[in-house]
Protein backbone atom coordinates (compact mmCIF):
# COMPACT_ATOMS: atom_id res chain seq x y z
CA MET A 1 137.56 135.67 -24.56
CA SER A 2 133.89 134.69 -24.22
CA ALA A 3 132.68 132.20 -21.60
CA ARG A 4 131.78 129.72 -24.31
CA THR A 5 135.17 129.92 -25.99
CA ALA A 6 137.02 129.64 -22.69
CA PHE A 7 135.15 126.57 -21.59
CA ALA A 8 135.44 124.98 -25.06
CA SER A 9 139.23 125.39 -24.97
CA MET A 10 139.40 123.98 -21.47
CA ARG A 11 137.41 120.89 -22.46
CA ALA A 12 139.84 120.29 -25.32
CA TRP A 13 142.92 120.52 -23.04
CA PHE A 14 141.43 118.51 -20.20
CA ALA A 15 139.62 115.70 -22.03
CA PRO A 16 139.35 112.61 -19.81
CA VAL A 17 141.98 109.91 -20.35
CA GLY A 18 141.61 106.16 -20.06
CA THR A 19 141.12 104.52 -16.73
CA GLY A 20 144.34 104.13 -14.86
CA CYS A 21 146.31 106.64 -16.90
CA ARG A 22 147.98 109.60 -15.32
CA ARG A 23 146.84 113.05 -16.30
CA ALA A 24 149.48 114.91 -18.27
CA VAL A 25 150.94 117.91 -16.44
CA LEU A 26 150.64 121.11 -18.43
CA SER A 27 153.51 123.39 -19.08
CA ALA A 28 153.57 126.46 -16.82
CA ALA A 29 152.68 128.78 -19.70
CA ALA A 30 149.72 126.67 -20.86
CA LEU A 31 148.47 126.24 -17.31
CA LEU A 32 148.55 129.97 -16.62
CA ALA A 33 146.78 130.65 -19.87
CA LEU A 34 144.02 128.26 -19.08
CA VAL A 35 143.60 129.49 -15.53
CA GLY A 36 143.31 132.97 -17.01
CA ALA A 37 140.58 131.65 -19.32
CA ALA A 38 138.77 130.16 -16.35
CA VAL A 39 138.88 133.52 -14.55
CA ALA A 40 137.61 135.28 -17.66
CA ALA A 41 134.77 132.81 -17.97
CA ARG A 42 133.74 133.25 -14.33
CA ALA A 43 133.93 137.03 -14.71
CA ALA A 44 131.55 136.69 -17.70
CA LEU A 45 129.22 134.53 -15.53
CA PRO A 46 129.12 136.32 -12.16
CA ILE A 47 127.15 134.82 -9.31
CA GLN A 48 124.24 137.06 -8.30
CA HIS A 49 122.76 136.71 -4.84
CA TRP A 50 119.68 138.07 -3.12
CA GLN A 51 116.97 137.14 -0.65
CA THR A 52 113.27 136.88 -1.38
CA ASP A 53 110.59 138.64 0.70
CA LYS A 54 109.87 135.28 2.38
CA GLY A 55 113.56 134.82 3.32
CA ALA A 56 114.75 132.31 0.71
CA GLN A 57 118.38 132.73 -0.41
CA VAL A 58 118.82 132.87 -4.18
CA TYR A 59 122.03 132.30 -6.23
CA PHE A 60 121.88 132.92 -9.98
CA VAL A 61 124.18 132.81 -12.97
CA GLU A 62 122.86 134.11 -16.28
CA ASN A 63 124.10 132.08 -19.19
CA HIS A 64 122.48 132.18 -22.64
CA ASP A 65 124.77 129.66 -24.34
CA LEU A 66 122.10 126.91 -24.22
CA PRO A 67 118.26 127.19 -24.23
CA MET A 68 118.12 125.42 -20.86
CA LEU A 69 117.50 126.24 -17.22
CA ASP A 70 119.12 124.24 -14.39
CA LEU A 71 117.65 124.87 -10.97
CA SER A 72 118.05 123.49 -7.45
CA VAL A 73 116.07 124.03 -4.26
CA ALA A 74 117.75 122.79 -1.08
CA PHE A 75 116.76 122.80 2.59
CA ALA A 76 118.57 121.96 5.84
CA ALA A 77 116.39 118.82 6.02
CA GLY A 78 118.92 115.99 5.63
CA SER A 79 119.10 112.88 7.78
CA SER A 80 120.90 114.82 10.56
CA ARG A 81 117.53 116.39 11.28
CA ASP A 82 116.02 113.02 12.21
CA ARG A 83 115.51 111.90 15.72
CA ALA A 84 116.99 108.53 16.69
CA ASP A 85 113.54 107.02 17.21
CA GLN A 86 112.34 108.35 13.78
CA SER A 87 115.47 107.56 11.75
CA GLY A 88 114.55 107.58 8.08
CA LEU A 89 111.86 110.27 8.39
CA ALA A 90 113.80 113.01 6.55
CA GLY A 91 114.54 110.78 3.56
CA LEU A 92 111.03 109.39 3.36
CA THR A 93 109.60 112.93 3.51
CA VAL A 94 111.56 114.30 0.58
CA ASN A 95 110.93 111.16 -1.53
CA MET A 96 107.18 111.33 -0.84
CA MET A 97 106.94 114.98 -1.79
CA ARG A 98 107.10 114.15 -5.50
CA LEU A 99 104.66 111.25 -5.22
CA GLY A 100 101.53 113.30 -4.78
CA ALA A 101 101.10 117.07 -4.49
CA GLY A 102 98.56 119.80 -5.26
CA GLY A 103 95.96 117.34 -6.53
CA LEU A 104 98.47 115.55 -8.79
CA SER A 105 99.21 111.88 -8.41
CA ASP A 106 102.77 110.50 -8.70
CA ASP A 107 101.99 109.55 -12.32
CA ASP A 108 100.61 113.05 -13.02
CA ILE A 109 103.78 114.60 -11.65
CA SER A 110 105.99 112.34 -13.74
CA ARG A 111 104.03 113.09 -16.88
CA GLY A 112 103.96 116.81 -16.12
CA PHE A 113 107.73 116.95 -16.33
CA ALA A 114 108.15 114.39 -19.12
CA ASP A 115 105.62 116.10 -21.37
CA VAL A 116 107.80 119.23 -21.60
CA GLY A 117 111.14 117.40 -21.60
CA ALA A 118 112.02 118.37 -18.07
CA VAL A 119 113.92 116.21 -15.60
CA ILE A 120 113.56 116.31 -11.82
CA ASP A 121 115.83 114.61 -9.30
CA THR A 122 115.73 114.29 -5.54
CA ARG A 123 118.80 115.51 -3.58
CA PHE A 124 119.40 114.05 -0.12
CA ASP A 125 122.33 113.59 2.24
CA ARG A 126 123.16 114.15 5.92
CA ASP A 127 122.90 117.91 5.64
CA MET A 128 120.41 118.78 2.93
CA ALA A 129 117.32 117.63 1.07
CA GLY A 130 115.59 119.05 -1.95
CA PHE A 131 115.16 118.85 -5.69
CA GLY A 132 116.98 119.61 -8.90
CA LEU A 133 115.26 120.55 -12.17
CA ARG A 134 116.50 120.76 -15.75
CA THR A 135 114.06 122.21 -18.26
CA LEU A 136 113.98 124.05 -21.55
CA SER A 137 114.13 127.77 -21.00
CA ALA A 138 111.42 128.63 -23.54
CA PRO A 139 108.49 130.15 -21.59
CA PRO A 140 105.80 127.46 -22.35
CA GLU A 141 107.97 124.49 -21.30
CA ARG A 142 109.61 126.34 -18.45
CA ARG A 143 106.31 127.60 -17.12
CA ARG A 144 104.75 124.10 -17.03
CA ALA A 145 107.80 122.50 -15.38
CA LEU A 146 107.92 125.17 -12.70
CA GLU A 147 104.18 124.88 -12.03
CA VAL A 148 104.60 121.22 -11.25
CA LEU A 149 107.75 121.77 -9.18
CA ALA A 150 105.93 124.48 -7.14
CA LYS A 151 103.21 122.00 -6.30
CA VAL A 152 105.80 119.45 -5.19
CA LEU A 153 107.52 122.00 -2.99
CA GLN A 154 104.47 123.74 -1.53
CA GLN A 155 101.56 121.27 -1.58
CA PRO A 156 102.81 117.76 -0.82
CA GLU A 157 99.99 115.41 0.18
CA PHE A 158 101.78 112.33 1.45
CA PRO A 159 98.94 110.02 0.36
CA GLU A 160 98.52 107.12 2.75
CA PRO A 161 98.48 104.27 0.15
CA VAL A 162 101.61 105.58 -1.50
CA LEU A 163 103.28 105.99 1.85
CA GLU A 164 102.64 102.37 2.76
CA ARG A 165 104.04 101.27 -0.61
CA GLU A 166 107.17 103.34 -0.24
CA LYS A 167 107.74 102.20 3.35
CA ALA A 168 107.56 98.58 2.18
CA ARG A 169 110.08 99.32 -0.58
CA LEU A 170 112.37 101.13 1.83
CA LEU A 171 112.20 98.32 4.43
CA ALA A 172 113.09 95.79 1.73
CA ARG A 173 116.11 97.92 0.73
CA LEU A 174 117.23 98.33 4.32
CA LYS A 175 116.99 94.61 5.03
CA GLU A 176 119.02 93.90 1.91
CA ALA A 177 121.58 96.56 2.86
CA ASP A 178 122.02 95.00 6.29
CA THR A 179 123.43 91.91 4.51
CA GLN A 180 125.86 93.80 2.23
CA PRO A 181 129.41 94.27 3.48
CA GLU A 182 129.81 97.79 1.97
CA SER A 183 126.60 99.02 3.66
CA MET A 184 127.44 97.32 6.92
CA ALA A 185 130.88 98.90 6.99
CA ASP A 186 129.58 102.39 6.12
CA LYS A 187 126.89 102.23 8.82
CA ALA A 188 129.33 100.98 11.46
CA PHE A 189 131.92 103.55 10.44
CA TYR A 190 129.56 106.57 10.94
CA ALA A 191 128.28 105.08 14.20
CA ALA A 192 131.86 104.76 15.49
CA LEU A 193 132.85 108.28 14.47
CA TYR A 194 129.73 110.13 15.56
CA GLY A 195 128.04 108.05 18.27
CA GLY A 196 124.98 110.00 19.45
CA HIS A 197 125.59 112.99 17.12
CA PRO A 198 123.01 113.30 14.37
CA TYR A 199 125.65 112.40 11.70
CA GLY A 200 125.73 108.96 13.22
CA LEU A 201 122.19 108.18 12.03
CA PRO A 202 122.01 106.20 8.77
CA PRO A 203 120.51 108.39 6.01
CA GLU A 204 117.82 105.90 4.92
CA GLY A 205 116.90 104.98 8.44
CA GLU A 206 116.63 101.70 10.34
CA VAL A 207 114.34 98.73 9.90
CA ALA A 208 113.26 99.20 13.49
CA THR A 209 112.20 102.85 12.98
CA VAL A 210 110.88 103.15 9.40
CA GLY A 211 107.98 100.77 9.94
CA GLY A 212 106.53 102.99 12.66
CA LEU A 213 106.53 106.26 10.66
CA LYS A 214 103.11 107.77 10.04
CA ARG A 215 101.74 110.22 7.58
CA GLN A 216 101.46 112.85 10.33
CA ASP A 217 105.16 112.45 11.08
CA LEU A 218 105.97 113.38 7.45
CA ALA A 219 103.56 116.30 7.48
CA ASP A 220 105.05 117.68 10.69
CA PHE A 221 108.64 117.25 9.45
CA TYR A 222 107.71 119.06 6.22
CA ARG A 223 106.13 122.02 8.07
CA THR A 224 109.12 122.34 10.33
CA HIS A 225 111.94 122.06 7.81
CA TYR A 226 110.62 123.23 4.41
CA SER A 227 110.10 126.88 5.22
CA ALA A 228 111.11 129.70 2.92
CA ALA A 229 113.66 130.90 5.49
CA ASN A 230 115.33 127.45 5.22
CA ALA A 231 115.41 127.42 1.37
CA VAL A 232 118.37 127.93 -0.91
CA ILE A 233 117.39 128.38 -4.56
CA ALA A 234 120.17 128.12 -7.17
CA MET A 235 119.70 128.76 -10.91
CA ILE A 236 121.85 128.91 -14.02
CA GLY A 237 120.70 129.21 -17.59
CA ASP A 238 118.99 131.08 -20.37
CA ILE A 239 116.85 133.49 -18.35
CA THR A 240 117.20 137.08 -17.21
CA ARG A 241 117.56 138.46 -13.65
CA ALA A 242 113.89 139.48 -13.80
CA ASP A 243 112.94 135.92 -14.77
CA ALA A 244 115.03 134.51 -11.93
CA GLU A 245 113.41 136.83 -9.39
CA ALA A 246 109.95 135.76 -10.54
CA ILE A 247 110.90 132.07 -10.36
CA ALA A 248 112.34 132.43 -6.88
CA ARG A 249 109.11 134.13 -5.73
CA GLN A 250 106.99 131.47 -7.37
CA LEU A 251 108.86 128.62 -5.67
CA SER A 252 109.14 130.19 -2.17
CA GLU A 253 106.08 132.36 -1.58
CA ARG A 254 103.82 129.48 -0.49
CA LEU A 255 106.28 127.49 1.49
CA PRO A 256 105.46 126.96 5.20
CA PRO A 257 106.17 129.93 7.50
CA GLY A 258 108.79 129.67 10.16
CA PRO A 259 112.47 130.20 10.80
CA ALA A 260 115.38 128.10 9.62
CA PRO A 261 116.26 125.31 12.07
CA ALA A 262 118.97 125.78 14.62
CA PRO A 263 122.52 124.82 13.57
CA LEU A 264 123.61 121.23 14.23
CA PRO A 265 125.63 120.67 17.39
CA PRO A 266 129.42 120.48 17.03
CA VAL A 267 130.93 117.06 16.57
CA PRO A 268 132.59 115.85 19.80
CA GLU A 269 136.31 115.12 19.52
CA LEU A 270 137.40 111.52 19.63
CA THR A 271 139.06 110.67 22.89
CA GLN A 272 139.56 106.94 22.33
CA ALA A 273 139.99 104.96 19.11
CA GLN A 274 137.47 102.19 18.46
CA VAL A 275 137.88 98.88 16.59
CA ARG A 276 134.76 97.23 15.23
CA TYR A 277 134.85 93.83 13.56
CA LEU A 278 131.67 92.54 11.88
CA PRO A 279 131.79 88.95 10.57
CA HIS A 280 130.50 88.45 7.03
CA PRO A 281 130.96 85.57 4.55
CA ALA A 282 132.34 87.89 1.84
CA SER A 283 135.44 86.81 -0.04
CA GLN A 284 137.27 89.94 1.06
CA SER A 285 137.60 92.13 4.12
CA HIS A 286 136.08 95.62 3.74
CA ILE A 287 138.18 98.03 5.75
CA LEU A 288 137.41 101.66 6.75
CA LEU A 289 139.54 103.84 8.97
CA GLY A 290 139.01 107.46 9.94
CA ALA A 291 137.89 110.19 12.29
CA PRO A 292 135.84 113.42 12.15
CA GLY A 293 137.63 115.72 9.71
CA MET A 294 136.46 119.18 8.71
CA ARG A 295 133.44 121.31 7.91
CA ARG A 296 132.55 123.42 4.88
CA GLY A 297 134.35 126.75 4.96
CA ASP A 298 136.99 125.34 7.28
CA PRO A 299 140.18 127.50 7.28
CA ASP A 300 142.22 124.27 6.84
CA TYR A 301 140.20 123.17 3.80
CA PHE A 302 142.84 123.81 1.12
CA PRO A 303 145.88 122.46 2.99
CA LEU A 304 143.94 119.30 3.82
CA LEU A 305 142.62 119.03 0.27
CA VAL A 306 146.07 119.33 -1.26
CA GLY A 307 147.69 117.10 1.32
CA ASN A 308 145.07 114.43 0.88
CA TYR A 309 145.73 114.30 -2.84
CA VAL A 310 149.25 113.12 -1.94
CA LEU A 311 148.02 110.76 0.79
CA GLY A 312 145.17 108.94 -0.88
CA GLY A 313 143.10 111.22 -3.14
CA GLY A 314 145.32 111.28 -6.19
CA GLY A 315 144.71 107.76 -7.54
CA PHE A 316 147.96 106.18 -8.78
CA ASP A 317 149.83 109.33 -7.68
CA SER A 318 148.92 108.75 -4.03
CA ARG A 319 151.09 107.18 -1.35
CA LEU A 320 148.34 104.75 -0.26
CA THR A 321 147.98 103.35 -3.78
CA LYS A 322 151.71 103.05 -4.21
CA GLU A 323 152.32 101.37 -0.87
CA VAL A 324 149.21 99.14 -0.68
CA ARG A 325 148.64 98.27 -4.33
CA GLU A 326 151.75 98.84 -6.37
CA LYS A 327 154.43 97.68 -3.95
CA ARG A 328 152.60 94.88 -2.11
CA GLY A 329 149.50 93.96 -4.16
CA LEU A 330 147.29 93.99 -1.08
CA ALA A 331 144.30 95.75 -2.66
CA TYR A 332 143.05 96.81 -6.04
CA SER A 333 142.63 100.32 -4.67
CA ALA A 334 143.19 102.25 -1.49
CA TYR A 335 141.85 105.77 -1.08
CA SER A 336 141.35 108.59 1.39
CA TYR A 337 139.15 111.69 1.41
CA PHE A 338 137.71 114.45 3.51
CA LEU A 339 133.98 114.99 3.25
CA PRO A 340 133.26 118.45 4.62
CA LEU A 341 129.74 118.99 6.01
CA ALA A 342 127.97 121.68 8.03
CA GLN A 343 129.83 120.32 11.05
CA ASP A 344 133.00 118.11 10.86
CA GLY A 345 132.43 115.50 8.20
CA PRO A 346 134.51 112.35 8.05
CA PHE A 347 138.12 111.82 7.11
CA GLN A 348 138.01 108.30 5.67
CA ILE A 349 140.49 105.74 4.34
CA GLY A 350 139.11 102.66 2.62
CA LEU A 351 140.23 99.46 0.90
CA GLN A 352 139.29 95.83 0.38
CA THR A 353 141.70 92.93 0.67
CA LYS A 354 141.89 89.14 0.97
CA LYS A 355 141.03 87.81 4.39
CA ALA A 356 144.56 86.49 4.99
CA GLN A 357 146.03 89.94 4.26
CA THR A 358 143.74 91.97 6.48
CA GLY A 359 146.15 92.52 9.32
CA GLN A 360 149.04 93.34 7.00
CA ALA A 361 146.95 95.79 4.98
CA ILE A 362 145.81 97.61 8.10
CA GLU A 363 149.36 97.82 9.37
CA ILE A 364 150.60 99.34 6.12
CA VAL A 365 147.82 101.87 6.01
CA ARG A 366 148.51 102.95 9.58
CA LYS A 367 152.20 103.35 8.82
CA VAL A 368 151.57 105.40 5.68
CA LEU A 369 149.21 107.65 7.56
CA GLY A 370 151.55 108.04 10.52
CA ASP A 371 154.50 108.87 8.31
CA PHE A 372 152.52 111.41 6.33
CA VAL A 373 151.25 113.20 9.42
CA ALA A 374 154.74 113.24 10.92
CA GLU A 375 156.66 114.30 7.78
CA GLY A 376 154.14 115.72 5.28
CA PRO A 377 154.60 115.52 1.48
CA THR A 378 157.83 116.05 -0.37
CA ALA A 379 158.25 119.25 -2.42
CA ALA A 380 157.79 117.20 -5.59
CA GLU A 381 154.59 115.54 -4.30
CA LEU A 382 153.15 118.87 -3.27
CA GLN A 383 153.80 120.44 -6.66
CA GLN A 384 152.36 117.48 -8.49
CA ALA A 385 149.21 117.66 -6.28
CA LYS A 386 148.76 121.39 -6.92
CA ASP A 387 149.36 121.03 -10.70
CA ASN A 388 146.73 118.28 -10.98
CA LEU A 389 144.15 120.04 -8.75
CA VAL A 390 144.57 123.33 -10.62
CA GLY A 391 144.77 121.64 -14.03
CA GLY A 392 141.69 119.59 -13.39
CA PHE A 393 139.60 122.44 -12.02
CA PRO A 394 138.14 123.55 -15.40
CA LEU A 395 136.47 120.10 -15.69
CA ARG A 396 134.63 120.86 -12.46
CA ILE A 397 132.84 123.85 -14.07
CA ASP A 398 132.58 122.90 -17.75
CA SER A 399 128.76 122.49 -17.76
CA ASN A 400 125.70 124.12 -16.30
CA LYS A 401 124.91 120.88 -14.52
CA LYS A 402 128.21 121.01 -12.65
CA ILE A 403 127.94 124.72 -11.90
CA ILE A 404 124.48 124.30 -10.37
CA GLU A 405 126.01 121.84 -7.90
CA TYR A 406 128.55 124.41 -6.87
CA LEU A 407 125.95 127.17 -6.63
CA THR A 408 123.93 124.93 -4.30
CA VAL A 409 126.97 124.19 -2.12
CA ILE A 410 127.98 127.86 -2.07
CA GLY A 411 124.50 128.88 -1.06
CA PHE A 412 123.74 126.14 1.41
CA TYR A 413 127.01 126.49 3.29
CA ARG A 414 127.26 130.31 2.87
CA LEU A 415 130.59 130.16 1.12
CA PRO A 416 131.98 133.34 -0.48
CA LEU A 417 130.53 134.24 -3.89
CA SER A 418 134.15 134.32 -5.13
CA TYR A 419 134.66 130.66 -4.15
CA LEU A 420 135.01 129.49 -7.80
CA ASP A 421 137.13 132.50 -8.76
CA ASP A 422 139.52 131.87 -5.83
CA PHE A 423 139.73 128.09 -5.97
CA THR A 424 142.88 127.70 -8.08
CA SER A 425 144.75 130.56 -6.37
CA ASN A 426 143.92 129.05 -2.98
CA VAL A 427 145.30 125.72 -4.09
CA ALA A 428 148.35 127.29 -5.64
CA LYS A 429 149.37 129.15 -2.51
CA VAL A 430 149.35 126.06 -0.22
CA THR A 431 152.86 125.41 1.14
CA LEU A 432 154.60 122.38 2.65
CA ALA A 433 154.36 124.06 6.03
CA ASP A 434 150.62 124.58 5.57
CA VAL A 435 150.03 120.88 4.84
CA LYS A 436 152.25 119.65 7.67
CA ASP A 437 150.65 122.00 10.18
CA ALA A 438 147.05 121.18 9.16
CA PHE A 439 147.55 117.42 9.25
CA ARG A 440 149.41 117.44 12.57
CA ARG A 441 146.59 119.45 14.17
CA ARG A 442 143.62 117.73 12.50
CA VAL A 443 144.59 114.10 12.00
CA HIS A 444 145.80 111.98 14.91
CA PRO A 445 146.94 108.51 13.88
CA ASP A 446 146.48 107.20 17.45
CA LEU A 447 142.81 108.32 17.38
CA ILE A 448 141.61 106.64 14.25
CA ASP A 449 138.55 104.40 14.36
CA LEU A 450 138.73 101.09 12.45
CA VAL A 451 135.89 99.09 10.99
CA VAL A 452 136.38 95.67 9.34
CA VAL A 453 133.59 93.66 7.71
CA GLY A 454 134.71 90.31 6.42
CA PRO A 455 135.22 86.58 6.81
CA ALA A 456 135.56 85.28 10.31
CA ALA A 457 138.80 83.61 9.31
CA ALA A 458 140.31 87.05 8.85
CA GLY A 459 140.50 87.33 12.62
CA GLU A 460 139.69 90.40 14.68
CA PRO A 461 142.40 93.00 14.03
């Protein structure tokens, strides 16, 4: 079976259903057939990996189904690389890189991509910063798009007038965010979990720090963090290995010299649960609970992933939704997730509820979590979780755009090249004992931070 046929058949089987509907569980025979198709497709599209002479890591999948090239260049230059007194520098740096480079103005850069039908996007989070590019693979269009991208990556100018404009825009956004309950809750949640660790810094920065950032600060941050040795280049599309090698050289050879930055420090373990209540005149209380969870490549990743589907990641299938929404009507939705990062990312539970129901909702969530950690899922819940995670996996890799995201993650976090091949088998082999053991060791209900943003009448929990 060709890669194209395999993915087409998977899309037909796993077409999205209406909001709120449960995904149909496939028969065992159909499921095994489709998993086999997925393996065949991945075997037809192997991940190739090499390192350029300048030290950039390259991950490439050759796929001639469409006349397109999807590309990503990522650096360990996310907000966790900020200092507390320069919070916002990392995000401002990556945004400014595409607003003036190599003699091109921000308008020139935009037109340079648009004229050949290419699309560029900025990628930024706590761990990484960089750019994604989608372009036609035909040499004339591809060549022009890559020329502009190379200037953005290698010759950013950080023009002073544009910097002042962007700082003003960012400050306006930050001031607005400081009045929004969702933003307030998220900021307080990360501060509670991580304290002085770099993950505790807000990605976009603070009003008190952004205003003081200077052009030289951006130039220094760029030289320190955008070296070839700190670059991960991922590509998938209608090019050959020789083309990919030439592109990787073009994008990395004139990056600043220097080593990759040191790894982030480990996240300290919580020793005491915190409760933070922030008054806000919203109609509902915004509630977040959680603790540091797991990192990328964590040996407990799959047991925690499968177990969390049962707890709060499976929509209407999850215990939190059943107990909080369906049985008691306390919230429209209640969810939980693990966000793995380079160091332990957050385990988070979230919901919104009426101010008069705040205390009750928190009590129910704590009970559901405590019961799950103590007892684990039932055999039926575990099987349903595995069936849905395995059954839904083909939708995660049914387009080049989705695959480039996985290639970037695999490369940035140094995951095995077989990660996609092994995903469904790693899910399928998770046992009840695995889930119980992982949750009992990694999630401690008595050490869960709580953040509530809402009406004062809700009372401090």
